[in-house]
C-alpha atoms as a PDB file:
ATOM      1  CA  MET A   1       0.000   0.000   0.000  1.00  0.00           C
ATOM      2  CA  SER A   2       1.230   3.472  -0.843  1.00  0.00           C
ATOM      3  CA  GLU A   3       1.807   5.921   2.031  1.00  0.00           C
ATOM      4  CA  ALA A   4      -0.545   8.864   2.379  1.00  0.00           C
ATOM      5  CA  LYS A   5       1.035  11.967   0.910  1.00  0.00           C
ATOM      6  CA  PRO A   6       0.451  15.415   2.410  1.00  0.00           C
ATOM      7  CA  ALA A   7      -1.847  17.787   0.601  1.00  0.00           C
ATOM      8  CA  SER A   8      -0.271  19.953  -2.057  1.00  0.00           C
ATOM      9  CA  GLY A   9       1.247  23.138  -0.663  1.00  0.00           C
ATOM     10  CA  ALA A  10       1.301  21.883   2.952  1.00  0.00           C
ATOM     11  CA  PRO A  11       4.674  20.960   4.502  1.00  0.00           C
ATOM     12  CA  PRO A  12       5.110  17.704   6.430  1.00  0.00           C
ATOM     13  CA  ALA A  13       3.923  17.502  10.021  1.00  0.00           C
ATOM     14  CA  TRP A  14       7.425  17.545  11.552  1.00  0.00           C
ATOM     15  CA  ILE A  15       8.334  20.699   9.608  1.00  0.00           C
ATOM     16  CA  ARG A  16       5.154  22.409  10.819  1.00  0.00           C
ATOM     17  CA  THR A  17       5.940  21.404  14.408  1.00  0.00           C
ATOM     18  CA  VAL A  18       9.524  22.627  14.226  1.00  0.00           C
ATOM     19  CA  THR A  19       8.379  25.873  12.596  1.00  0.00           C
ATOM     20  CA  THR A  20       5.736  26.469  15.242  1.00  0.00           C
ATOM     21  CA  VAL A  21       8.103  25.835  18.148  1.00  0.00           C
ATOM     22  CA  SER A  22      10.889  27.881  16.589  1.00  0.00           C
ATOM     23  CA  GLY A  23       8.530  30.764  15.886  1.00  0.00           C
ATOM     24  CA  ALA A  24       7.223  30.691  19.449  1.00  0.00           C
ATOM     25  CA  VAL A  25      10.730  30.686  20.922  1.00  0.00           C
ATOM     26  CA  LEU A  26      11.863  33.491  18.604  1.00  0.00           C
ATOM     27  CA  LEU A  27       8.826  35.584  19.463  1.00  0.00           C
ATOM     28  CA  ALA A  28       9.430  35.022  23.178  1.00  0.00           C
ATOM     29  CA  ILE A  29      13.036  36.189  22.782  1.00  0.00           C
ATOM     30  CA  VAL A  30      11.911  39.287  20.899  1.00  0.00           C
ATOM     31  CA  LEU A  31       9.336  40.045  23.577  1.00  0.00           C
ATOM     32  CA  PHE A  32      11.932  39.637  26.293  1.00  0.00           C
ATOM     33  CA  VAL A  33      14.322  41.990  24.494  1.00  0.00           C
ATOM     34  CA  LEU A  34      11.576  44.554  24.048  1.00  0.00           C
ATOM     35  CA  GLY A  35      10.523  44.150  27.652  1.00  0.00           C
ATOM     36  CA  SER A  36      14.002  44.515  29.001  1.00  0.00           C
ATOM     37  CA  ALA A  37      15.196  47.386  26.816  1.00  0.00           C
ATOM     38  CA  LEU A  38      12.323  49.470  25.474  1.00  0.00           C
ATOM     39  CA  LEU A  39       9.087  49.027  27.434  1.00  0.00           C
ATOM     40  CA  PRO A  40       9.954  48.893  31.154  1.00  0.00           C
ATOM     41  CA  GLY A  41       9.368  52.603  31.729  1.00  0.00           C
ATOM     42  CA  TRP A  42       5.988  52.513  30.005  1.00  0.00           C
ATOM     43  CA  TRP A  43       4.812  49.459  31.960  1.00  0.00           C
ATOM     44  CA  ALA A  44       6.035  50.911  35.277  1.00  0.00           C
ATOM     45  CA  ALA A  45       4.052  54.083  34.596  1.00  0.00           C
ATOM     46  CA  VAL A  46       0.904  52.037  33.812  1.00  0.00           C
ATOM     47  CA  VAL A  47       1.205  49.901  36.950  1.00  0.00           C
ATOM     48  CA  THR A  48       1.921  52.819  39.296  1.00  0.00           C
ATOM     49  CA  GLY A  49      -1.103  54.587  37.862  1.00  0.00           C
ATOM     50  CA  TRP A  50      -3.280  51.554  38.712  1.00  0.00           C
ATOM     51  CA  VAL A  51      -1.886  50.972  42.191  1.00  0.00           C
ATOM     52  CA  GLY A  52      -1.301  54.575  43.308  1.00  0.00           C
ATOM     53  CA  GLY A  53       1.271  53.625  45.949  1.00  0.00           C
ATOM     54  CA  VAL A  54      -1.195  51.506  48.011  1.00  0.00           C
ATOM     55  CA  ALA A  55       0.141  48.085  49.014  1.00  0.00           C
ATOM     56  CA  SER A  56      -3.279  46.391  49.152  1.00  0.00           C
ATOM     57  CA  ALA A  57      -4.067  47.707  45.695  1.00  0.00           C
ATOM     58  CA  GLY A  58      -0.677  46.415  44.520  1.00  0.00           C
ATOM     59  CA  VAL A  59      -1.554  42.930  45.800  1.00  0.00           C
ATOM     60  CA  LEU A  60      -4.981  42.946  44.157  1.00  0.00           C
ATOM     61  CA  VAL A  61      -3.751  44.302  40.823  1.00  0.00           C
ATOM     62  CA  GLY A  62      -0.764  41.944  40.844  1.00  0.00           C
ATOM     63  CA  LEU A  63      -2.951  38.874  41.493  1.00  0.00           C
ATOM     64  CA  LEU A  64      -5.346  39.906  38.731  1.00  0.00           C
ATOM     65  CA  CYS A  65      -2.571  40.568  36.237  1.00  0.00           C
ATOM     66  CA  GLY A  66      -0.830  37.300  37.059  1.00  0.00           C
ATOM     67  CA  ALA A  67      -4.042  35.271  36.794  1.00  0.00           C
ATOM     68  CA  VAL A  68      -5.497  36.925  33.687  1.00  0.00           C
ATOM     69  CA  PHE A  69      -2.292  37.103  31.669  1.00  0.00           C
ATOM     70  CA  THR A  70      -1.551  33.451  32.469  1.00  0.00           C
ATOM     71  CA  LEU A  71      -4.931  31.780  32.058  1.00  0.00           C
ATOM     72  CA  VAL A  72      -5.931  33.585  28.863  1.00  0.00           C
ATOM     73  CA  PRO A  73      -2.708  32.817  26.926  1.00  0.00           C
ATOM     74  CA  VAL A  74      -2.741  29.204  28.141  1.00  0.00           C
ATOM     75  CA  ALA A  75      -6.375  28.782  27.031  1.00  0.00           C
ATOM     76  CA  ILE A  76      -5.692  30.333  23.623  1.00  0.00           C
ATOM     77  CA  GLY A  77      -2.546  28.251  23.178  1.00  0.00           C
ATOM     78  CA  PHE A  78      -4.461  25.092  24.072  1.00  0.00           C
ATOM     79  CA  ILE A  79      -7.091  25.978  21.484  1.00  0.00           C
ATOM     80  CA  ALA A  80      -4.375  26.600  18.899  1.00  0.00           C
ATOM     81  CA  VAL A  81      -2.870  23.160  19.566  1.00  0.00           C
ATOM     82  CA  ARG A  82      -6.136  21.187  19.698  1.00  0.00           C
ATOM     83  CA  TRP A  83      -8.094  23.080  17.047  1.00  0.00           C
ATOM     84  CA  HIS A  84      -8.312  21.236  13.730  1.00  0.00           C
ATOM     85  CA  ARG A  85      -7.460  24.148  11.471  1.00  0.00           C
ATOM     86  CA  PRO A  86      -4.651  24.909   8.975  1.00  0.00           C
ATOM     87  CA  TRP A  87      -1.234  25.221  10.581  1.00  0.00           C
ATOM     88  CA  ARG A  88      -0.914  28.865   9.552  1.00  0.00           C
ATOM     89  CA  THR A  89      -4.101  29.731  11.421  1.00  0.00           C
ATOM     90  CA  ARG A  90      -2.922  27.895  14.519  1.00  0.00           C
ATOM     91  CA  LEU A  91       0.457  29.614  14.304  1.00  0.00           C
ATOM     92  CA  ILE A  92      -1.235  33.033  14.265  1.00  0.00           C
ATOM     93  CA  ILE A  93      -3.392  32.080  17.256  1.00  0.00           C
ATOM     94  CA  GLY A  94      -0.282  30.899  19.113  1.00  0.00           C
ATOM     95  CA  GLY A  95       1.400  34.243  18.383  1.00  0.00           C
ATOM     96  CA  VAL A  96      -1.596  36.085  19.827  1.00  0.00           C
ATOM     97  CA  ALA A  97      -1.355  33.938  22.969  1.00  0.00           C
ATOM     98  CA  LEU A  98       2.320  34.859  23.354  1.00  0.00           C
ATOM     99  CA  LEU A  99       1.563  38.549  22.870  1.00  0.00           C
ATOM    100  CA  LEU A 100      -0.911  38.349  25.741  1.00  0.00           C
ATOM    101  CA  THR A 101       1.941  37.288  28.035  1.00  0.00           C
ATOM    102  CA  LEU A 102       3.645  40.663  27.450  1.00  0.00           C
ATOM    103  CA  PRO A 103       2.639  42.100  30.866  1.00  0.00           C
ATOM    104  CA  LEU A 104       4.232  39.138  32.628  1.00  0.00           C
ATOM    105  CA  VAL A 105       7.340  39.410  30.468  1.00  0.00           C
ATOM    106  CA  LEU A 106       7.617  43.107  31.255  1.00  0.00           C
ATOM    107  CA  THR A 107       7.178  42.481  34.979  1.00  0.00           C
ATOM    108  CA  ILE A 108       9.875  39.789  34.965  1.00  0.00           C
ATOM    109  CA  ALA A 109      12.215  41.992  32.917  1.00  0.00           C
ATOM    110  CA  ILE A 110      11.781  44.885  35.323  1.00  0.00           C
ATOM    111  CA  ASP A 111      12.316  42.651  38.347  1.00  0.00           C
ATOM    112  CA  VAL A 112      15.500  41.173  36.860  1.00  0.00           C
ATOM    113  CA  ALA A 113      16.683  44.700  35.970  1.00  0.00           C
ATOM    114  CA  SER A 114      19.267  43.625  33.429  1.00  0.00           C
ATOM    115  CA  THR A 115      19.336  47.097  31.809  1.00  0.00           C
ATOM    116  CA  THR A 116      19.418  50.654  33.042  1.00  0.00           C
ATOM    117  CA  ALA A 117      15.843  51.282  31.839  1.00  0.00           C
ATOM    118  CA  ALA A 118      14.634  48.184  33.664  1.00  0.00           C
ATOM    119  CA  LEU A 119      16.433  49.235  36.853  1.00  0.00           C
ATOM    120  CA  ASP A 120      14.817  52.697  36.793  1.00  0.00           C
ATOM    121  CA  ALA A 121      11.395  51.107  36.188  1.00  0.00           C
ATOM    122  CA  LYS A 122      11.976  48.725  39.092  1.00  0.00           C
ATOM    123  CA  ILE A 123      12.664  51.626  41.450  1.00  0.00           C
ATOM    124  CA  ASP A 124       9.519  53.405  40.256  1.00  0.00           C
ATOM    125  CA  MET A 125       7.384  50.252  40.819  1.00  0.00           C
ATOM    126  CA  GLN A 126       8.835  49.677  44.288  1.00  0.00           C
ATOM    127  CA  ILE A 127       7.735  53.175  45.247  1.00  0.00           C
ATOM    128  CA  GLY A 128       4.497  53.577  43.266  1.00  0.00           C
ATOM    129  CA  ALA A 129       3.289  49.929  43.160  1.00  0.00           C
ATOM    130  CA  PRO A 130       4.427  48.104  46.306  1.00  0.00           C
ATOM    131  CA  SER A 131       3.764  44.336  46.507  1.00  0.00           C
ATOM    132  CA  PHE A 132       2.745  44.261  42.826  1.00  0.00           C
ATOM    133  CA  THR A 133       5.612  42.085  41.575  1.00  0.00           C
ATOM    134  CA  GLY A 134       5.279  39.429  44.263  1.00  0.00           C
ATOM    135  CA  ALA A 135       1.513  39.285  43.844  1.00  0.00           C
ATOM    136  CA  THR A 136       1.956  38.952  40.079  1.00  0.00           C
ATOM    137  CA  TYR A 137       4.248  35.952  40.547  1.00  0.00           C
ATOM    138  CA  THR A 138       1.780  34.378  42.977  1.00  0.00           C
ATOM    139  CA  GLY A 139      -1.167  34.889  40.633  1.00  0.00           C
ATOM    140  CA  ALA A 140       0.785  33.571  37.644  1.00  0.00           C
ATOM    141  CA  LEU A 141       1.999  30.428  39.416  1.00  0.00           C
ATOM    142  CA  GLY A 142      -1.407  29.694  40.930  1.00  0.00           C
ATOM    143  CA  SER A 143      -3.123  30.228  37.581  1.00  0.00           C
ATOM    144  CA  ALA A 144      -0.584  27.986  35.848  1.00  0.00           C
ATOM    145  CA  ALA A 145      -1.307  25.222  38.370  1.00  0.00           C
ATOM    146  CA  VAL A 146      -5.066  25.652  37.911  1.00  0.00           C
ATOM    147  CA  ALA A 147      -4.681  25.677  34.127  1.00  0.00           C
ATOM    148  CA  THR A 148      -2.620  22.481  34.259  1.00  0.00           C
ATOM    149  CA  VAL A 149      -5.258  20.736  36.373  1.00  0.00           C
ATOM    150  CA  LEU A 150      -8.045  21.929  34.076  1.00  0.00           C
ATOM    151  CA  ILE A 151      -6.207  20.769  30.964  1.00  0.00           C
ATOM    152  CA  LEU A 152      -5.567  17.349  32.504  1.00  0.00           C
ATOM    153  CA  LEU A 153      -9.223  17.057  33.532  1.00  0.00           C
ATOM    154  CA  LEU A 154     -10.343  18.101  30.052  1.00  0.00           C
ATOM    155  CA  LEU A 155      -8.080  15.557  28.389  1.00  0.00           C
ATOM    156  CA  ARG A 156      -9.293  12.903  30.816  1.00  0.00           C
ATOM    157  CA  TRP A 157     -12.890  13.840  30.082  1.00  0.00           C
ATOM    158  CA  ARG A 158     -12.336  13.610  26.336  1.00  0.00           C
ATOM    159  CA  ARG A 159     -10.663  10.230  26.748  1.00  0.00           C
ATOM    160  CA  SER A 160     -13.548   9.038  28.936  1.00  0.00           C
ATOM    161  CA  ARG A 161     -16.046  10.172  26.317  1.00  0.00           C
ATOM    162  CA  LYS A 162     -14.224   8.172  23.674  1.00  0.00           C
ATOM    163  CA  GLU A 163     -14.175   5.123  25.938  1.00  0.00           C
ATOM    164  CA  VAL A 164     -17.895   5.511  26.689  1.00  0.00           C
ATOM    165  CA  ARG A 165     -18.692   5.820  22.987  1.00  0.00           C
ATOM    166  CA  ALA A 166     -16.637   2.731  22.226  1.00  0.00           C
ATOM    167  CA  LEU A 167     -18.362   0.851  25.072  1.00  0.00           C
ATOM    168  CA  ARG A 168     -21.782   1.921  23.848  1.00  0.00           C
ATOM    169  CA  GLY A 169     -20.912   0.772  20.353  1.00  0.00           C
ATOM    170  CA  THR A 170     -19.780  -2.593  21.708  1.00  0.00           C
ATOM    171  CA  VAL A 171     -22.958  -2.983  23.788  1.00  0.00           C
ATOM    172  CA  ALA A 172     -25.145  -2.040  20.823  1.00  0.00           C
ATOM    173  CA  LYS A 173     -23.280  -4.521  18.631  1.00  0.00           C
ATOM    174  CA  ASN A 174     -23.708  -7.259  21.237  1.00  0.00           C
ATOM    175  CA  LYS A 175     -27.421  -6.497  21.527  1.00  0.00           C
ATOM    176  CA  GLU A 176     -27.780  -6.674  17.763  1.00  0.00           C
ATOM    177  CA  THR A 177     -25.935  -9.991  17.722  1.00  0.00           C
ATOM    178  CA  ASP A 178     -28.141 -11.387  20.506  1.00  0.00           C
ATOM    179  CA  ARG A 179     -31.282 -10.204  18.730  1.00  0.00           C
ATOM    180  CA  ALA A 180     -30.179 -11.867  15.497  1.00  0.00           C
ATOM    181  CA  ARG A 181     -29.320 -15.073  17.382  1.00  0.00           C
ATOM    182  CA  ARG A 182     -32.738 -15.119  19.085  1.00  0.00           C
ATOM    183  CA  GLN A 183     -34.449 -14.567  15.754  1.00  0.00           C
ATOM    184  CA  ARG A 184     -32.526 -17.488  14.251  1.00  0.00           C
ATOM    185  CA  GLU A 185     -33.411 -19.697  17.214  1.00  0.00           C
ATOM    186  CA  GLU A 186     -37.080 -18.735  17.001  1.00  0.00           C
ATOM    187  CA  ALA A 187     -37.111 -19.418  13.261  1.00  0.00           C
ATOM    188  CA  ALA A 188     -35.472 -22.814  13.810  1.00  0.00           C
ATOM    189  CA  GLU A 189     -37.937 -23.680  16.587  1.00  0.00           C
ATOM    190  CA  GLU A 190     -40.863 -22.678  14.387  1.00  0.00           C
ATOM    191  CA  ALA A 191     -39.491 -24.792  11.549  1.00  0.00           C
ATOM    192  CA  ARG A 192     -39.133 -27.814  13.875  1.00  0.00           C
ATOM    193  CA  THR A 193     -42.686 -27.305  15.144  1.00  0.00           C
ATOM    194  CA  GLN A 194     -44.007 -27.114  11.591  1.00  0.00           C
ATOM    195  CA  VAL A 195     -42.150 -30.300  10.621  1.00  0.00           C
ATOM    196  CA  ALA A 196     -43.517 -32.121  13.678  1.00  0.00           C
ATOM    197  CA  ARG A 197     -47.062 -30.938  12.896  1.00  0.00           C
ATOM    198  CA  GLU A 198     -46.797 -32.116   9.303  1.00  0.00           C
ATOM    199  CA  ALA A 199     -45.402 -35.481  10.427  1.00  0.00           C
ATOM    200  CA  ALA A 200     -48.327 -35.918  12.850  1.00  0.00           C
ATOM    201  CA  GLU A 201     -50.823 -35.095  10.122  1.00  0.00           C
ATOM    202  CA  ARG A 202     -49.219 -37.623   7.764  1.00  0.00           C
ATOM    203  CA  ALA A 203     -49.306 -40.283  10.506  1.00  0.00           C
ATOM    204  CA  LYS A 204     -53.041 -39.644  11.060  1.00  0.00           C
ATOM    205  CA  GLU A 205     -53.670 -39.939   7.336  1.00  0.00           C
ATOM    206  CA  ARG A 206     -51.805 -43.259   7.200  1.00  0.00           C
ATOM    207  CA  GLU A 207     -53.815 -44.609  10.171  1.00  0.00           C
ATOM    208  CA  GLY A 208     -57.101 -43.558   8.552  1.00  0.00           C
ATOM    209  CA  GLY A 209     -56.139 -45.251   5.252  1.00  0.00           C
ATOM    210  CA  ALA A 210     -55.244 -48.516   7.032  1.00  0.00           C
ATOM    211  CA  ALA A 211     -58.551 -48.650   9.017  1.00  0.00           C
ATOM    212  CA  GLY A 212     -60.788 -48.417   5.859  1.00  0.00           C
ATOM    213  CA  PRO A 213     -59.830 -51.776   4.182  1.00  0.00           C
ATOM    214  CA  ASP A 214     -60.019 -53.616   7.515  1.00  0.00           C
ATOM    215  CA  SER A 215     -63.666 -52.535   8.062  1.00  0.00           C
ATOM    216  CA  GLN A 216     -64.628 -53.532   4.521  1.00  0.00           C
ATOM    217  CA  ARG A 217     -63.118 -57.014   4.991  1.00  0.00           C
ATOM    218  CA  GLY A 218     -64.900 -57.527   8.326  1.00  0.00           C
ATOM    219  CA  GLU A 219     -68.533 -56.893   7.119  1.00  0.00           C
ATOM    220  CA  PRO A 220     -69.083 -60.242   5.202  1.00  0.00           C
ATOM    221  CA  ARG A 221     -67.768 -62.155   8.208  1.00  0.00           C
ATOM    222  CA  SER A 222     -70.364 -60.670  10.562  1.00  0.00           C
ATOM    223  CA  GLY A 223     -73.367 -60.890   8.197  1.00  0.00           C
ATOM    224  CA  GLY A 224     -72.531 -64.268   6.557  1.00  0.00           C
ATOM    225  CA  SER A 225     -72.182 -65.202   2.873  1.00  0.00           C
ATOM    226  CA  PRO A 226     -75.352 -65.125   0.619  1.00  0.00           C
ATOM    227  CA  ASN A 227     -74.330 -68.318  -1.225  1.00  0.00           C
ATOM    228  CA  GLY A 228     -74.015 -70.195   2.047  1.00  0.00           C
ATOM    229  CA  ASP A 229     -77.551 -69.161   3.120  1.00  0.00           C
ATOM    230  CA  SER A 230     -79.078 -70.323  -0.182  1.00  0.00           C
ATOM    231  CA  ARG A 231     -77.307 -73.710   0.035  1.00  0.00           C
ATOM    232  CA  ARG A 232     -78.631 -74.221   3.572  1.00  0.00           C
ATOM    233  CA  LYS A 233     -82.172 -73.381   2.450  1.00  0.00           C
ATOM    234  CA  ASP A 234     -81.976 -75.874  -0.466  1.00  0.00           C
ATOM    235  CA  ARG A 235     -80.737 -78.605   1.868  1.00  0.00           C
ATOM    236  CA  HIS A 236     -83.654 -77.968   4.275  1.00  0.00           C
ATOM    237  CA  HIS A 237     -86.232 -78.175   1.516  1.00  0.00           C
ATOM    238  CA  GLY A 238     -84.606 -81.361   0.232  1.00  0.00           C
ATOM    239  CA  ASP A 239     -84.922 -82.977   3.665  1.00  0.00           C
ATOM    240  CA  GLN A 240     -88.617 -82.041   3.868  1.00  0.00           C
ATOM    241  CA  ASP A 241     -89.343 -83.568   0.433  1.00  0.00           C
ATOM    242  CA  ALA A 242     -87.597 -86.772   1.421  1.00  0.00           C
ATOM    243  CA  GLU A 243     -89.700 -87.104   4.576  1.00  0.00           C
ATOM    244  CA  GLU A 244     -92.970 -86.612   2.661  1.00  0.00           C
ATOM    245  CA  THR A 245     -92.004 -89.272   0.105  1.00  0.00           C
ATOM    246  CA  SER A 246     -91.131 -91.778   2.778  1.00  0.00           C
ATOM    247  CA  GLY A 247     -94.434 -91.112   4.549  1.00  0.00           C
ATOM    248  CA  GLN A 248     -96.480 -91.888   1.403  1.00  0.00           C
END
């Protein structure tokens, strides 16, 4: 048998996988470079405007940012992997998911402070958005754990559905087989009953045919033979004539 060839214009599966992974890694590197060199000041200004120097607000905003910008990209990436669409479409969706992780990348870049711009942004966030970075890490890690559990449960649920469908198909097939077997048994039993009924009818017919000749042969025996009666009558009259002659 000839192997299935990929559709015209579509690269092999391993090339698509390598391209997708390489593109994701390259985009992550670009985002990290942008986050560490160009965007730290802008993100620090946005965060300090949200928090306003209040520690409780920093915790709340950090938890929300960590949760939202972890769960949403993970969900979109999962859809891109599991969705049965052309590989270009899934690659675009995966790129969107990576773009949504930009706030986390910027927060990590500022916290690492590998550049002068990142160090200045870190100082601004420590003053204007206290507890934001730690809360962001907590929200991101907790959301990643929840997302992992949800993905495992979803995969387990899909596998269970497949197993249930296969089991239902097996049960339905067994029921159909049992129904066909019962129908065959009923047909065979009906055929045997019909054969027995016909055999009984033939036996009755044979018994009736044998009884008819026997009754016809028995009637002369019970009533006597006509020739024998006439001979007896002639002998009686002969005896009477002989007596009269002797008397004269």
